[in-house]
Amino acid sequence: MKPTTEATWIRADRIRLEQVFINLLRNAMLYGRGFDVEARLSHANDGALVIEVEDHGIGIAAEDQARIFNRFERAVATKDFGGLGLGLYIVKSIVEAHEGRVELRSDVGQGTTFRVILPADRPGPPL
């Protein structure tokens, strides 16, 4: 995957995708321990749009990584970071409604990268 300046068209609900990016950026800033947050946009080999949000914060333990996408689930204590445990559930729900997927790479103490993959717009039937 390479960063690109080429246009990729996706069929999407702009308001819902804004919510995805806001939630991912908010998480990165909250759990990033004050370190820089990186956001990248690129294309996958199949033309899909790939957005990555990376922090260099507390990370997520392997045993917590699958469940944090469930409603009201969290990998850390509420008293330490606040929140309801809905942000990543909303992210996954919206991305899947757009026929995309969310991937996660994380190591405790090293940070987390969330990757959103959205399929490129495919030609539809004539209108």
C-alpha atoms as a PDB file:
ATOM      1  CA  MET A   1       0.000   0.000   0.000  1.00  0.00           C
ATOM      2  CA  LYS A   2       1.298   3.420  -0.923  1.00  0.00           C
ATOM      3  CA  PRO A   3       0.067   6.903  -0.045  1.00  0.00           C
ATOM      4  CA  THR A   4      -1.519   8.388  -3.115  1.00  0.00           C
ATOM      5  CA  THR A   5      -2.817  11.552  -4.648  1.00  0.00           C
ATOM      6  CA  GLU A   6      -5.126   9.669  -7.022  1.00  0.00           C
ATOM      7  CA  ALA A   7      -8.836  10.013  -6.435  1.00  0.00           C
ATOM      8  CA  THR A   8     -10.766   7.070  -5.041  1.00  0.00           C
ATOM      9  CA  TRP A   9     -14.521   7.215  -5.168  1.00  0.00           C
ATOM     10  CA  ILE A  10     -16.523   5.454  -2.510  1.00  0.00           C
ATOM     11  CA  ARG A  11     -20.266   5.242  -2.051  1.00  0.00           C
ATOM     12  CA  ALA A  12     -20.778   6.477   1.500  1.00  0.00           C
ATOM     13  CA  ASP A  13     -22.825   8.442   3.979  1.00  0.00           C
ATOM     14  CA  ARG A  14     -20.583  11.428   4.711  1.00  0.00           C
ATOM     15  CA  ILE A  15     -22.080  12.125   8.148  1.00  0.00           C
ATOM     16  CA  ARG A  16     -21.618   8.518   9.281  1.00  0.00           C
ATOM     17  CA  LEU A  17     -18.024   8.383   8.011  1.00  0.00           C
ATOM     18  CA  GLU A  18     -17.282  11.609   9.875  1.00  0.00           C
ATOM     19  CA  GLN A  19     -18.459   9.815  13.023  1.00  0.00           C
ATOM     20  CA  VAL A  20     -16.051   6.946  12.291  1.00  0.00           C
ATOM     21  CA  PHE A  21     -13.079   9.290  11.962  1.00  0.00           C
ATOM     22  CA  ILE A  22     -14.070  11.402  14.965  1.00  0.00           C
ATOM     23  CA  ASN A  23     -14.380   8.298  17.152  1.00  0.00           C
ATOM     24  CA  LEU A  24     -11.033   6.883  16.014  1.00  0.00           C
ATOM     25  CA  LEU A  25      -9.239  10.196  16.470  1.00  0.00           C
ATOM     26  CA  ARG A  26     -10.858  10.749  19.867  1.00  0.00           C
ATOM     27  CA  ASN A  27      -9.718   7.305  21.015  1.00  0.00           C
ATOM     28  CA  ALA A  28      -6.194   7.917  19.737  1.00  0.00           C
ATOM     29  CA  MET A  29      -5.968  11.222  21.584  1.00  0.00           C
ATOM     30  CA  LEU A  30      -7.470   9.784  24.777  1.00  0.00           C
ATOM     31  CA  TYR A  31      -5.329   6.642  24.965  1.00  0.00           C
ATOM     32  CA  GLY A  32      -2.259   8.068  23.224  1.00  0.00           C
ATOM     33  CA  ARG A  33      -0.699   9.413  26.438  1.00  0.00           C
ATOM     34  CA  GLY A  34      -0.096  12.821  24.846  1.00  0.00           C
ATOM     35  CA  PHE A  35       2.078  11.461  22.038  1.00  0.00           C
ATOM     36  CA  ASP A  36       1.482  12.343  18.406  1.00  0.00           C
ATOM     37  CA  VAL A  37      -1.428  10.782  16.583  1.00  0.00           C
ATOM     38  CA  GLU A  38      -0.879   9.801  12.965  1.00  0.00           C
ATOM     39  CA  ALA A  39      -3.586   9.542  10.301  1.00  0.00           C
ATOM     40  CA  ARG A  40      -2.848   8.096   6.879  1.00  0.00           C
ATOM     41  CA  LEU A  41      -4.871   7.695   3.702  1.00  0.00           C
ATOM     42  CA  SER A  42      -3.869   5.204   1.007  1.00  0.00           C
ATOM     43  CA  HIS A  43      -5.174   2.680  -1.506  1.00  0.00           C
ATOM     44  CA  ALA A  44      -5.131  -1.083  -1.180  1.00  0.00           C
ATOM     45  CA  ASN A  45      -4.092  -3.141  -4.188  1.00  0.00           C
ATOM     46  CA  ASP A  46      -7.747  -3.736  -5.081  1.00  0.00           C
ATOM     47  CA  GLY A  47      -8.431   0.025  -5.131  1.00  0.00           C
ATOM     48  CA  ALA A  48     -10.128   0.125  -1.722  1.00  0.00           C
ATOM     49  CA  LEU A  49      -9.689   3.261   0.356  1.00  0.00           C
ATOM     50  CA  VAL A  50      -7.609   2.673   3.493  1.00  0.00           C
ATOM     51  CA  ILE A  51      -7.594   5.037   6.449  1.00  0.00           C
ATOM     52  CA  GLU A  52      -5.272   4.400   9.376  1.00  0.00           C
ATOM     53  CA  VAL A  53      -5.257   6.145  12.740  1.00  0.00           C
ATOM     54  CA  GLU A  54      -2.278   5.364  14.933  1.00  0.00           C
ATOM     55  CA  ASP A  55      -1.373   6.366  18.460  1.00  0.00           C
ATOM     56  CA  HIS A  56       1.718   5.580  20.514  1.00  0.00           C
ATOM     57  CA  GLY A  57      -0.068   5.139  23.795  1.00  0.00           C
ATOM     58  CA  ILE A  58      -1.120   2.424  26.198  1.00  0.00           C
ATOM     59  CA  GLY A  59      -2.060  -0.208  23.610  1.00  0.00           C
ATOM     60  CA  ILE A  60      -4.662  -2.948  23.895  1.00  0.00           C
ATOM     61  CA  ALA A  61      -3.936  -6.426  25.274  1.00  0.00           C
ATOM     62  CA  ALA A  62      -4.420  -9.277  22.800  1.00  0.00           C
ATOM     63  CA  GLU A  63      -7.192 -10.814  24.906  1.00  0.00           C
ATOM     64  CA  ASP A  64      -9.182  -7.545  24.768  1.00  0.00           C
ATOM     65  CA  GLN A  65      -8.806  -6.777  21.064  1.00  0.00           C
ATOM     66  CA  ALA A  66     -11.837  -8.691  19.745  1.00  0.00           C
ATOM     67  CA  ARG A  67     -14.295  -7.641  22.439  1.00  0.00           C
ATOM     68  CA  ILE A  68     -13.637  -3.876  22.339  1.00  0.00           C
ATOM     69  CA  PHE A  69     -15.853  -3.670  19.257  1.00  0.00           C
ATOM     70  CA  ASN A  70     -18.843  -4.928  21.286  1.00  0.00           C
ATOM     71  CA  ARG A  71     -21.371  -2.535  22.762  1.00  0.00           C
ATOM     72  CA  PHE A  72     -20.365  -1.140  26.191  1.00  0.00           C
ATOM     73  CA  GLU A  73     -17.017  -2.954  26.151  1.00  0.00           C
ATOM     74  CA  ARG A  74     -13.769  -1.337  27.187  1.00  0.00           C
ATOM     75  CA  ALA A  75     -10.197  -2.520  27.572  1.00  0.00           C
ATOM     76  CA  VAL A  76      -9.481  -0.183  30.499  1.00  0.00           C
ATOM     77  CA  ALA A  77     -11.282   0.888  33.656  1.00  0.00           C
ATOM     78  CA  THR A  78     -13.916   3.590  33.224  1.00  0.00           C
ATOM     79  CA  LYS A  79     -12.568   5.471  36.240  1.00  0.00           C
ATOM     80  CA  ASP A  80      -9.219   5.926  34.484  1.00  0.00           C
ATOM     81  CA  PHE A  81     -10.447   7.133  31.090  1.00  0.00           C
ATOM     82  CA  GLY A  82     -14.213   7.694  31.174  1.00  0.00           C
ATOM     83  CA  GLY A  83     -16.533   6.959  28.280  1.00  0.00           C
ATOM     84  CA  LEU A  84     -19.353   4.512  27.675  1.00  0.00           C
ATOM     85  CA  GLY A  85     -17.666   1.871  25.537  1.00  0.00           C
ATOM     86  CA  LEU A  86     -19.700   2.715  22.448  1.00  0.00           C
ATOM     87  CA  GLY A  87     -17.171   4.452  20.179  1.00  0.00           C
ATOM     88  CA  LEU A  88     -15.575   1.403  18.586  1.00  0.00           C
ATOM     89  CA  TYR A  89     -18.916  -0.409  18.415  1.00  0.00           C
ATOM     90  CA  ILE A  90     -20.247   2.539  16.388  1.00  0.00           C
ATOM     91  CA  VAL A  91     -17.119   2.565  14.199  1.00  0.00           C
ATOM     92  CA  LYS A  92     -17.454  -1.121  13.355  1.00  0.00           C
ATOM     93  CA  SER A  93     -21.205  -0.879  12.740  1.00  0.00           C
ATOM     94  CA  ILE A  94     -20.880   2.054  10.339  1.00  0.00           C
ATOM     95  CA  VAL A  95     -17.903   0.611   8.464  1.00  0.00           C
ATOM     96  CA  GLU A  96     -19.626  -2.754   8.022  1.00  0.00           C
ATOM     97  CA  ALA A  97     -22.783  -0.987   6.804  1.00  0.00           C
ATOM     98  CA  HIS A  98     -20.552   0.497   4.084  1.00  0.00           C
ATOM     99  CA  GLU A  99     -19.359  -3.041   3.198  1.00  0.00           C
ATOM    100  CA  GLY A 100     -15.969  -2.309   4.721  1.00  0.00           C
ATOM    101  CA  ARG A 101     -14.008  -3.677   7.616  1.00  0.00           C
ATOM    102  CA  VAL A 102     -11.992  -2.465  10.603  1.00  0.00           C
ATOM    103  CA  GLU A 103      -8.647  -3.983  11.527  1.00  0.00           C
ATOM    104  CA  LEU A 104      -6.608  -3.461  14.664  1.00  0.00           C
ATOM    105  CA  ARG A 105      -2.912  -3.807  15.435  1.00  0.00           C
ATOM    106  CA  SER A 106      -1.788  -3.139  18.984  1.00  0.00           C
ATOM    107  CA  ASP A 107       0.862  -3.963  21.553  1.00  0.00           C
ATOM    108  CA  VAL A 108       0.520  -3.064  25.226  1.00  0.00           C
ATOM    109  CA  GLY A 109       2.660  -0.017  25.974  1.00  0.00           C
ATOM    110  CA  GLN A 110       3.439   0.567  22.285  1.00  0.00           C
ATOM    111  CA  GLY A 111       0.206   1.992  20.905  1.00  0.00           C
ATOM    112  CA  THR A 112      -2.583   1.036  18.560  1.00  0.00           C
ATOM    113  CA  THR A 113      -3.346   1.349  14.876  1.00  0.00           C
ATOM    114  CA  PHE A 114      -6.907   1.108  13.605  1.00  0.00           C
ATOM    115  CA  ARG A 115      -7.283   0.515   9.888  1.00  0.00           C
ATOM    116  CA  VAL A 116     -10.574   1.152   8.082  1.00  0.00           C
ATOM    117  CA  ILE A 117     -10.902  -0.404   4.626  1.00  0.00           C
ATOM    118  CA  LEU A 118     -13.736   0.846   2.439  1.00  0.00           C
ATOM    119  CA  PRO A 119     -14.377  -0.685  -0.973  1.00  0.00           C
ATOM    120  CA  ALA A 120     -13.981   1.534  -4.020  1.00  0.00           C
ATOM    121  CA  ASP A 121     -17.230   2.440  -5.731  1.00  0.00           C
ATOM    122  CA  ARG A 122     -18.244  -0.203  -8.194  1.00  0.00           C
ATOM    123  CA  PRO A 123     -20.325   0.603 -11.233  1.00  0.00           C
ATOM    124  CA  GLY A 124     -23.946  -0.069 -10.560  1.00  0.00           C
ATOM    125  CA  PRO A 125     -26.857  -0.754 -12.859  1.00  0.00           C
ATOM    126  CA  PRO A 126     -27.837   2.024 -15.263  1.00  0.00           C
ATOM    127  CA  LEU A 127     -30.206   4.585 -13.760  1.00  0.00           C
END
